[in-house]
Amino acid sequence: MRKNMEVGMKKMALYSVALVLFAYGAAVAVAETGGGCVRCHTDEALMKSLFVPPTIHGGEEGEG
């Protein structure tokens, strides 16, 4: 029984390390390509180009 627990704990530790390395690798890959939220959200011209204000038809006072 105790040996099975040790094997299970070793597997859990191995999978945890693998998950951390995978997450770190993905984060580094995103940072190296210049992608991600920070680049887009800090570029004012890019943010303005993504938003197209709706056109307002009519324009009469007292509407809505």
C-alpha atoms as a PDB file:
ATOM      1  CA  MET A   1       0.000   0.000   0.000  1.00  0.00           C
ATOM      2  CA  ARG A   2       2.744   2.419   0.944  1.00  0.00           C
ATOM      3  CA  LYS A   3       4.676   1.674  -2.243  1.00  0.00           C
ATOM      4  CA  ASN A   4       1.635   2.525  -4.392  1.00  0.00           C
ATOM      5  CA  MET A   5       1.337   5.879  -2.595  1.00  0.00           C
ATOM      6  CA  GLU A   6       4.997   6.661  -3.282  1.00  0.00           C
ATOM      7  CA  VAL A   7       4.587   5.868  -6.974  1.00  0.00           C
ATOM      8  CA  GLY A   8       1.491   8.059  -7.138  1.00  0.00           C
ATOM      9  CA  MET A   9       3.260  10.951  -5.460  1.00  0.00           C
ATOM     10  CA  LYS A  10       6.222  10.645  -7.838  1.00  0.00           C
ATOM     11  CA  LYS A  11       3.869  10.735 -10.820  1.00  0.00           C
ATOM     12  CA  MET A  12       2.083  13.775  -9.402  1.00  0.00           C
ATOM     13  CA  ALA A  13       5.389  15.579  -8.893  1.00  0.00           C
ATOM     14  CA  LEU A  14       6.525  14.711 -12.418  1.00  0.00           C
ATOM     15  CA  TYR A  15       3.263  15.932 -13.972  1.00  0.00           C
ATOM     16  CA  SER A  16       3.397  19.118 -11.899  1.00  0.00           C
ATOM     17  CA  VAL A  17       6.913  19.909 -13.077  1.00  0.00           C
ATOM     18  CA  ALA A  18       5.921  19.147 -16.680  1.00  0.00           C
ATOM     19  CA  LEU A  19       2.919  21.486 -16.408  1.00  0.00           C
ATOM     20  CA  VAL A  20       5.025  24.314 -14.980  1.00  0.00           C
ATOM     21  CA  LEU A  21       7.621  23.906 -17.730  1.00  0.00           C
ATOM     22  CA  PHE A  22       4.920  23.882 -20.405  1.00  0.00           C
ATOM     23  CA  ALA A  23       3.295  27.044 -18.996  1.00  0.00           C
ATOM     24  CA  TYR A  24       6.684  28.771 -18.770  1.00  0.00           C
ATOM     25  CA  GLY A  25       7.527  27.798 -22.351  1.00  0.00           C
ATOM     26  CA  ALA A  26       4.196  29.120 -23.618  1.00  0.00           C
ATOM     27  CA  ALA A  27       4.688  32.414 -21.777  1.00  0.00           C
ATOM     28  CA  VAL A  28       8.194  32.832 -23.185  1.00  0.00           C
ATOM     29  CA  ALA A  29       6.965  32.070 -26.709  1.00  0.00           C
ATOM     30  CA  VAL A  30       4.273  34.750 -26.457  1.00  0.00           C
ATOM     31  CA  ALA A  31       6.710  37.288 -25.037  1.00  0.00           C
ATOM     32  CA  GLU A  32       9.299  36.666 -27.762  1.00  0.00           C
ATOM     33  CA  THR A  33       6.861  37.106 -30.638  1.00  0.00           C
ATOM     34  CA  GLY A  34       5.747  40.488 -29.317  1.00  0.00           C
ATOM     35  CA  GLY A  35       2.189  39.246 -29.009  1.00  0.00           C
ATOM     36  CA  GLY A  36      -0.059  39.452 -26.049  1.00  0.00           C
ATOM     37  CA  CYS A  37      -2.312  41.954 -24.403  1.00  0.00           C
ATOM     38  CA  VAL A  38       0.244  44.542 -23.345  1.00  0.00           C
ATOM     39  CA  ARG A  39       1.451  45.300 -26.871  1.00  0.00           C
ATOM     40  CA  CYS A  40      -2.057  45.855 -28.239  1.00  0.00           C
ATOM     41  CA  HIS A  41      -3.542  47.662 -25.264  1.00  0.00           C
ATOM     42  CA  THR A  42      -0.671  50.133 -24.987  1.00  0.00           C
ATOM     43  CA  ASP A  43      -0.727  51.066 -28.695  1.00  0.00           C
ATOM     44  CA  GLU A  44      -3.240  53.919 -28.905  1.00  0.00           C
ATOM     45  CA  ALA A  45      -3.345  53.991 -32.717  1.00  0.00           C
ATOM     46  CA  LEU A  46      -4.019  50.253 -32.882  1.00  0.00           C
ATOM     47  CA  MET A  47      -6.787  50.475 -30.272  1.00  0.00           C
ATOM     48  CA  LYS A  48      -8.460  53.306 -32.214  1.00  0.00           C
ATOM     49  CA  SER A  49      -8.238  51.320 -35.454  1.00  0.00           C
ATOM     50  CA  LEU A  50     -10.083  48.391 -33.858  1.00  0.00           C
ATOM     51  CA  PHE A  51     -13.092  50.474 -32.805  1.00  0.00           C
ATOM     52  CA  VAL A  52     -15.535  51.840 -35.362  1.00  0.00           C
ATOM     53  CA  PRO A  53     -18.159  54.100 -33.752  1.00  0.00           C
ATOM     54  CA  PRO A  54     -21.732  53.352 -34.806  1.00  0.00           C
ATOM     55  CA  THR A  55     -23.378  55.749 -37.230  1.00  0.00           C
ATOM     56  CA  ILE A  56     -26.340  57.642 -35.839  1.00  0.00           C
ATOM     57  CA  HIS A  57     -29.261  58.060 -38.211  1.00  0.00           C
ATOM     58  CA  GLY A  58     -31.921  60.721 -37.802  1.00  0.00           C
ATOM     59  CA  GLY A  59     -30.358  63.012 -35.237  1.00  0.00           C
ATOM     60  CA  GLU A  60     -33.637  64.680 -34.322  1.00  0.00           C
ATOM     61  CA  GLU A  61     -33.959  66.172 -30.871  1.00  0.00           C
ATOM     62  CA  GLY A  62     -36.142  64.424 -28.343  1.00  0.00           C
ATOM     63  CA  GLU A  63     -35.605  60.985 -29.816  1.00  0.00           C
ATOM     64  CA  GLY A  64     -34.820  58.076 -27.528  1.00  0.00           C
END
